[in-house]
Amino acid sequence: MLKYSFTLIACLISSLVFAQNWDYDDYSDYSWKTFYRFEPIYQNLDPRDIDYPLLHAAIFYVTNEHRVKNGLKPFRHSDKIERAAAGHASDMAKYNFYGHQSKIRNKRHLRDRFQIVGLNPILIAENISSTAGIQYEYGRKVNRPQSPGEFTYMTSKREPVPPHTYISFAKEIVRLWMESPGHRKNILNPSLTQMGAGSSVYAEKNFYNMPYFMNVQCFSGD
């Protein structure tokens, strides 16, 4: 019994260490280039056990990659703005809505969400998306899962839908935003200088409970 208890505690400690791959202070140590050398971003994104700070960081740095490659200064990270973005993503997933206007009375507008975290900059903007959390090719038919979370395409060989890594998922989210004129305009707006990103997983009930994520970028200008 003692041995079992010790093993359980050791496993719990190990899982906690594994889950804490990223901290707000780490943003000062990385650029978008050096972030690609951070090994945890290449682990699979497991919808049942998500390191949200790491995912938010991946979205932030991939966004900065696009900024720099388009001749702009990278965004500065804001932990307060990240909290606003993550809160809106969580609310959309929890309360089953999608939009810039929240169902939560005191969070109705983006300005409200900024003020809740103690910010009131003159210039603010927001990008949102709802994106499959696995590498699903949109438009292809899938089979009803035989086991929870195991998705296959409707082909003779039941080709599996592969998982995302943290960095591949971040790249997919930002790619979709960059292909949308309005979202791209926010990302490449030189007057916007700070950014924070947030995500929240949910089961898409209309698609065999495939894991999807609500994703949010919030921006501010000095």
Protein backbone atom coordinates (compact mmCIF):
# COMPACT_ATOMS: atom_id res chain seq x y z
CA MET A 1 0.00 0.00 0.00
CA LEU A 2 2.82 2.37 0.89
CA LYS A 3 4.63 1.53 -2.35
CA TYR A 4 1.45 2.13 -4.35
CA SER A 5 0.87 5.49 -2.62
CA PHE A 6 4.46 6.57 -3.31
CA THR A 7 4.13 5.58 -6.97
CA LEU A 8 0.87 7.49 -7.30
CA ILE A 9 2.40 10.61 -5.73
CA ALA A 10 5.43 10.33 -8.00
CA CYS A 11 3.18 10.07 -11.05
CA LEU A 12 1.17 13.08 -9.96
CA ILE A 13 4.31 15.14 -9.43
CA SER A 14 5.62 14.04 -12.81
CA SER A 15 2.38 15.01 -14.55
CA LEU A 16 2.35 18.40 -12.87
CA VAL A 17 5.92 19.09 -13.97
CA PHE A 18 5.06 17.96 -17.49
CA ALA A 19 1.99 20.18 -17.59
CA GLN A 20 3.91 23.31 -16.63
CA ASN A 21 6.00 23.80 -19.73
CA TRP A 22 5.49 27.55 -20.02
CA ASP A 23 5.21 30.56 -17.73
CA TYR A 24 4.56 34.24 -18.38
CA ASP A 25 8.19 35.01 -17.49
CA ASP A 26 9.36 32.82 -20.38
CA TYR A 27 8.16 35.37 -22.92
CA SER A 28 11.15 37.56 -22.10
CA ASP A 29 13.56 34.73 -22.99
CA TYR A 30 12.34 33.84 -26.47
CA SER A 31 11.85 35.35 -29.91
CA TRP A 32 9.74 33.69 -32.59
CA LYS A 33 12.91 32.09 -33.99
CA THR A 34 14.26 30.69 -30.72
CA PHE A 35 10.79 29.48 -29.73
CA TYR A 36 11.10 26.81 -32.42
CA ARG A 37 13.92 25.27 -30.38
CA PHE A 38 11.60 24.81 -27.39
CA GLU A 39 11.03 21.05 -27.52
CA PRO A 40 7.63 20.81 -25.74
CA ILE A 41 5.90 22.52 -28.68
CA TYR A 42 6.46 19.36 -30.76
CA GLN A 43 4.49 17.06 -28.45
CA ASN A 44 1.00 16.01 -29.51
CA LEU A 45 -1.86 18.27 -28.50
CA ASP A 46 -4.00 15.96 -26.38
CA PRO A 47 -7.52 17.44 -25.98
CA ARG A 48 -7.85 15.58 -22.67
CA ASP A 49 -4.72 17.14 -21.14
CA ILE A 50 -3.90 20.57 -22.55
CA ASP A 51 -1.04 22.81 -21.53
CA TYR A 52 -2.91 26.04 -22.26
CA PRO A 53 -0.04 28.45 -21.44
CA LEU A 54 2.14 26.58 -23.96
CA LEU A 55 -0.60 26.66 -26.59
CA HIS A 56 -1.16 30.38 -26.07
CA ALA A 57 2.58 30.97 -26.41
CA ALA A 58 2.69 28.98 -29.65
CA ILE A 59 -0.09 31.12 -31.15
CA PHE A 60 1.70 34.27 -29.99
CA TYR A 61 5.05 33.37 -31.54
CA VAL A 62 3.64 32.08 -34.83
CA THR A 63 1.77 35.38 -35.11
CA ASN A 64 5.00 37.27 -34.51
CA GLU A 65 6.69 35.21 -37.21
CA HIS A 66 4.16 36.60 -39.69
CA ARG A 67 4.60 40.12 -38.33
CA VAL A 68 8.37 40.08 -38.73
CA LYS A 69 8.28 38.45 -42.17
CA ASN A 70 5.99 41.28 -43.27
CA GLY A 71 8.45 43.91 -42.11
CA LEU A 72 6.77 44.82 -38.82
CA LYS A 73 7.97 44.82 -35.25
CA PRO A 74 6.87 41.77 -33.25
CA PHE A 75 4.04 42.14 -30.77
CA ARG A 76 4.96 42.55 -27.12
CA HIS A 77 3.27 39.99 -24.93
CA SER A 78 0.79 41.11 -22.27
CA ASP A 79 -0.29 38.67 -19.59
CA LYS A 80 -3.36 40.80 -18.90
CA ILE A 81 -4.39 40.77 -22.54
CA GLU A 82 -3.81 37.00 -22.62
CA ARG A 83 -6.19 36.62 -19.68
CA ALA A 84 -8.82 38.63 -21.55
CA ALA A 85 -8.38 36.49 -24.67
CA ALA A 86 -8.39 33.20 -22.76
CA GLY A 87 -11.47 34.27 -20.79
CA HIS A 88 -13.45 34.99 -23.94
CA ALA A 89 -12.37 31.70 -25.53
CA SER A 90 -13.45 29.84 -22.39
CA ASP A 91 -16.80 31.64 -22.26
CA MET A 92 -17.55 30.83 -25.91
CA ALA A 93 -16.79 27.15 -25.34
CA LYS A 94 -18.65 26.94 -22.03
CA TYR A 95 -21.76 28.91 -22.98
CA ASN A 96 -22.00 27.70 -26.58
CA PHE A 97 -21.75 30.93 -28.56
CA TYR A 98 -19.39 32.34 -31.16
CA GLY A 99 -18.85 36.03 -31.69
CA HIS A 100 -17.15 39.21 -30.55
CA GLN A 101 -20.17 40.04 -28.41
CA SER A 102 -20.29 37.89 -25.29
CA LYS A 103 -23.33 36.35 -23.62
CA ILE A 104 -21.83 37.39 -20.26
CA ARG A 105 -23.39 40.69 -19.23
CA ASN A 106 -20.30 42.36 -17.78
CA LYS A 107 -18.13 41.03 -20.62
CA ARG A 108 -20.48 41.98 -23.46
CA HIS A 109 -18.00 44.02 -25.50
CA LEU A 110 -14.26 43.77 -26.07
CA ARG A 111 -13.77 47.02 -24.16
CA ASP A 112 -15.52 45.43 -21.17
CA ARG A 113 -13.19 42.45 -21.29
CA PHE A 114 -10.14 44.70 -21.36
CA GLN A 115 -11.38 46.73 -18.42
CA ILE A 116 -12.01 43.60 -16.35
CA VAL A 117 -8.28 42.78 -16.52
CA GLY A 118 -7.37 46.38 -15.64
CA LEU A 119 -6.67 47.79 -19.10
CA ASN A 120 -8.27 50.61 -21.06
CA PRO A 121 -6.04 51.39 -24.08
CA ILE A 122 -7.30 53.69 -26.82
CA LEU A 123 -6.84 51.17 -29.63
CA ILE A 124 -8.04 47.55 -29.27
CA ALA A 125 -8.92 44.72 -31.65
CA GLU A 126 -9.81 41.05 -31.55
CA ASN A 127 -9.60 37.98 -33.79
CA ILE A 128 -11.62 34.82 -33.10
CA SER A 129 -11.87 31.40 -34.72
CA SER A 130 -13.27 27.93 -34.18
CA THR A 131 -10.81 25.30 -35.41
CA ALA A 132 -10.58 21.51 -35.38
CA GLY A 133 -8.09 20.35 -32.76
CA ILE A 134 -6.83 17.49 -34.93
CA GLN A 135 -5.42 17.63 -38.45
CA TYR A 136 -8.79 17.23 -40.08
CA GLU A 137 -9.02 18.12 -43.77
CA TYR A 138 -12.17 20.24 -43.91
CA GLY A 139 -14.87 18.83 -46.16
CA ARG A 140 -13.80 15.19 -45.97
CA LYS A 141 -16.25 12.70 -44.51
CA VAL A 142 -15.31 10.86 -41.33
CA ASN A 143 -16.61 7.69 -39.74
CA ARG A 144 -18.46 7.65 -36.46
CA PRO A 145 -15.68 6.98 -33.93
CA GLN A 146 -15.51 3.38 -32.70
CA SER A 147 -13.53 4.62 -29.70
CA PRO A 148 -13.84 8.12 -28.21
CA GLY A 149 -11.45 10.55 -29.86
CA GLU A 150 -10.25 8.19 -32.60
CA PHE A 151 -11.35 9.72 -35.87
CA THR A 152 -10.91 8.13 -39.31
CA TYR A 153 -11.78 9.25 -42.80
CA MET A 154 -14.54 7.45 -44.64
CA THR A 155 -12.23 5.45 -46.94
CA SER A 156 -11.72 1.73 -47.48
CA LYS A 157 -8.68 1.78 -45.20
CA ARG A 158 -10.30 4.03 -42.56
CA GLU A 159 -7.37 6.43 -42.76
CA PRO A 160 -6.82 7.97 -39.30
CA VAL A 161 -7.02 11.72 -38.78
CA PRO A 162 -3.64 12.54 -37.21
CA PRO A 163 -3.25 14.65 -34.08
CA HIS A 164 -1.82 18.14 -34.04
CA THR A 165 1.28 19.15 -32.15
CA TYR A 166 1.16 22.42 -30.25
CA ILE A 167 3.12 24.20 -32.96
CA SER A 168 1.28 22.67 -35.92
CA PHE A 169 -2.05 23.67 -34.40
CA ALA A 170 -0.84 27.23 -33.79
CA LYS A 171 0.35 27.41 -37.40
CA GLU A 172 -3.05 26.24 -38.64
CA ILE A 173 -4.94 28.81 -36.58
CA VAL A 174 -2.74 31.69 -37.69
CA ARG A 175 -2.74 30.49 -41.32
CA LEU A 176 -6.53 30.67 -41.38
CA TRP A 177 -6.49 34.14 -39.84
CA MET A 178 -3.89 35.34 -42.33
CA GLU A 179 -6.06 34.10 -45.22
CA SER A 180 -8.98 36.20 -43.96
CA PRO A 181 -8.63 39.91 -44.88
CA GLY A 182 -10.12 41.31 -41.68
CA HIS A 183 -8.11 39.08 -39.36
CA ARG A 184 -4.94 39.62 -41.39
CA LYS A 185 -5.44 43.38 -41.12
CA ASN A 186 -5.39 43.16 -37.31
CA ILE A 187 -2.28 40.96 -37.25
CA LEU A 188 -0.39 43.30 -39.61
CA ASN A 189 -1.64 46.58 -38.14
CA PRO A 190 1.50 48.56 -37.16
CA SER A 191 -0.54 50.64 -34.70
CA LEU A 192 -1.28 47.50 -32.66
CA THR A 193 1.76 46.71 -30.53
CA GLN A 194 0.69 44.26 -27.80
CA MET A 195 -1.09 40.93 -28.04
CA GLY A 196 -2.23 37.96 -26.00
CA ALA A 197 -3.86 34.75 -27.24
CA GLY A 198 -6.23 32.26 -25.63
CA SER A 199 -7.93 28.98 -26.55
CA SER A 200 -10.48 26.61 -25.08
CA VAL A 201 -11.41 23.11 -26.21
CA TYR A 202 -14.96 21.88 -26.74
CA ALA A 203 -16.66 18.88 -28.33
CA GLU A 204 -18.34 19.69 -31.63
CA LYS A 205 -21.69 17.99 -31.08
CA ASN A 206 -22.67 18.23 -34.74
CA PHE A 207 -19.55 16.34 -35.79
CA TYR A 208 -19.28 13.21 -33.60
CA ASN A 209 -17.86 15.30 -30.73
CA MET A 210 -14.67 16.01 -32.64
CA PRO A 211 -12.41 18.21 -30.48
CA TYR A 212 -12.56 21.83 -31.61
CA PHE A 213 -11.03 24.93 -30.06
CA MET A 214 -12.32 28.44 -29.66
CA ASN A 215 -9.32 30.69 -30.32
CA VAL A 216 -8.95 34.38 -29.54
CA GLN A 217 -6.32 37.02 -30.17
CA CYS A 218 -6.65 40.36 -28.40
CA PHE A 219 -4.57 43.35 -29.44
CA SER A 220 -3.89 46.84 -28.12
CA GLY A 221 -2.03 49.91 -29.29
CA ASP A 222 0.08 52.19 -27.16
